[in-house]
Amino acid sequence: MADLYEYIGKKIRELRQEYSGGKGLKQEELAERIQVTPNTLSRWESATYRPSINDLHKLAKEFGVSISVFFPDEQNPNAQALLSATGDLREDEIEDLIEYAKFRKARRALREAKKKKR
């Protein structure tokens, strides 16, 4: 998973530096546009912090690109579809989806454990 966030960080930096036909955009300017601190943006680029789906959606809108550019081609297409579909959800709604996914994984693990016992 760390490799994914490194990829995302590199992509953010690349898009920021290529902004406006190569003129570039300072971290401070981009941070102000998407309403985060420059420190947060810097930490996304270095993969120290992990941007949320909402953060990636804001970045995609600012750069005029699809949210899928933040994911390597070999990533699961279902994950990209899910990220695109959830782009305009509030943070609390994203948290609900994460909890639901954890529930589904736990339920599947229980079912598989029961099958093994039979």
Protein backbone atom coordinates (compact mmCIF):
# COMPACT_ATOMS: atom_id res chain seq x y z
CA MET A 1 0.00 0.00 0.00
CA ALA A 2 2.90 2.35 0.68
CA ASP A 3 3.90 2.05 -2.98
CA LEU A 4 0.45 3.30 -4.01
CA TYR A 5 0.79 6.41 -1.84
CA GLU A 6 4.28 7.05 -3.20
CA TYR A 7 2.80 6.83 -6.71
CA ILE A 8 0.00 9.24 -5.73
CA GLY A 9 2.52 11.67 -4.22
CA LYS A 10 4.67 11.63 -7.36
CA LYS A 11 1.60 12.18 -9.52
CA ILE A 12 0.47 15.16 -7.42
CA ARG A 13 3.95 16.69 -7.69
CA GLU A 14 4.07 16.01 -11.43
CA LEU A 15 0.67 17.60 -12.06
CA ARG A 16 1.55 20.58 -9.89
CA GLN A 17 4.87 21.15 -11.67
CA GLU A 18 3.32 20.77 -15.14
CA TYR A 19 0.38 23.04 -14.30
CA SER A 20 -0.49 25.80 -16.76
CA GLY A 21 1.57 24.47 -19.64
CA GLY A 22 4.68 23.86 -17.55
CA LYS A 23 4.65 27.12 -15.61
CA GLY A 24 3.99 25.13 -12.50
CA LEU A 25 2.18 25.86 -9.29
CA LYS A 26 3.76 26.31 -5.87
CA GLN A 27 2.63 24.01 -3.08
CA GLU A 28 1.28 27.02 -1.22
CA GLU A 29 -0.85 28.07 -4.19
CA LEU A 30 -2.28 24.61 -4.75
CA ALA A 31 -2.91 24.12 -1.04
CA GLU A 32 -4.89 27.35 -0.92
CA ARG A 33 -6.95 26.37 -3.97
CA ILE A 34 -7.98 23.02 -2.51
CA GLN A 35 -8.24 24.35 1.05
CA VAL A 36 -5.53 22.37 2.83
CA THR A 37 -2.34 23.52 4.50
CA PRO A 38 0.87 23.65 2.48
CA ASN A 39 2.36 21.23 5.03
CA THR A 40 -0.38 18.70 4.29
CA LEU A 41 0.20 18.97 0.55
CA SER A 42 3.93 18.53 1.06
CA ARG A 43 3.30 15.41 3.12
CA TRP A 44 1.02 13.97 0.45
CA GLU A 45 3.77 14.45 -2.11
CA SER A 46 6.29 12.71 0.14
CA ALA A 47 3.78 9.92 1.01
CA THR A 48 4.04 10.83 4.70
CA TYR A 49 0.30 11.58 4.79
CA ARG A 50 -2.37 9.74 2.84
CA PRO A 51 -4.88 11.88 0.95
CA SER A 52 -8.52 10.85 1.28
CA ILE A 53 -10.80 10.11 -1.63
CA ASN A 54 -12.27 13.58 -1.20
CA ASP A 55 -8.77 15.10 -1.31
CA LEU A 56 -7.97 13.24 -4.53
CA HIS A 57 -11.28 14.35 -5.98
CA LYS A 58 -10.45 18.01 -5.21
CA LEU A 59 -7.02 17.60 -6.78
CA ALA A 60 -8.48 15.96 -9.88
CA LYS A 61 -10.99 18.80 -10.28
CA GLU A 62 -8.28 21.43 -9.80
CA PHE A 63 -6.04 19.85 -12.43
CA GLY A 64 -8.92 18.99 -14.77
CA VAL A 65 -8.10 15.27 -14.82
CA SER A 66 -9.86 12.06 -13.89
CA ILE A 67 -9.28 10.77 -10.37
CA SER A 68 -7.96 7.58 -11.98
CA VAL A 69 -4.69 9.35 -12.90
CA PHE A 70 -3.65 8.93 -9.27
CA PHE A 71 -3.58 5.14 -9.65
CA PRO A 72 -1.18 2.99 -11.65
CA ASP A 73 -2.67 1.20 -14.64
CA GLU A 74 -2.20 -2.16 -12.97
CA GLN A 75 -4.53 -1.20 -10.11
CA ASN A 76 -7.81 -3.04 -9.90
CA PRO A 77 -10.33 -1.34 -12.24
CA ASN A 78 -13.07 -1.98 -9.65
CA ALA A 79 -11.14 0.15 -7.15
CA GLN A 80 -10.92 2.98 -9.67
CA ALA A 81 -14.65 2.73 -10.36
CA LEU A 82 -15.37 2.85 -6.64
CA LEU A 83 -13.15 5.90 -6.17
CA SER A 84 -14.80 7.69 -9.07
CA ALA A 85 -18.26 6.87 -7.75
CA THR A 86 -17.45 8.16 -4.27
CA GLY A 87 -15.72 11.36 -5.31
CA ASP A 88 -18.43 13.74 -4.12
CA LEU A 89 -19.23 12.03 -0.82
CA ARG A 90 -18.64 13.79 2.48
CA GLU A 91 -15.91 12.53 4.80
CA ASP A 92 -18.45 10.93 7.16
CA GLU A 93 -20.04 9.08 4.25
CA ILE A 94 -16.63 7.79 3.17
CA GLU A 95 -16.05 6.57 6.72
CA ASP A 96 -19.39 4.72 6.55
CA LEU A 97 -18.28 3.01 3.34
CA ILE A 98 -15.00 1.98 4.93
CA GLU A 99 -16.83 0.51 7.92
CA TYR A 100 -19.20 -1.35 5.59
CA ALA A 101 -16.25 -2.77 3.65
CA LYS A 102 -14.67 -3.97 6.91
CA PHE A 103 -17.98 -5.60 7.85
CA ARG A 104 -18.17 -7.39 4.48
CA LYS A 105 -14.60 -8.65 4.81
CA ALA A 106 -15.24 -9.93 8.33
CA ARG A 107 -18.46 -11.63 7.25
CA ARG A 108 -16.66 -13.33 4.35
CA ALA A 109 -13.89 -14.50 6.68
CA LEU A 110 -16.46 -15.99 9.06
CA ARG A 111 -18.22 -17.80 6.24
CA GLU A 112 -14.93 -19.21 4.96
CA ALA A 113 -13.97 -20.34 8.46
CA LYS A 114 -17.32 -22.14 8.82
CA LYS A 115 -16.80 -23.89 5.47
CA LYS A 116 -13.38 -25.13 6.57
CA LYS A 117 -14.85 -26.63 9.73
CA ARG A 118 -17.34 -28.72 7.75
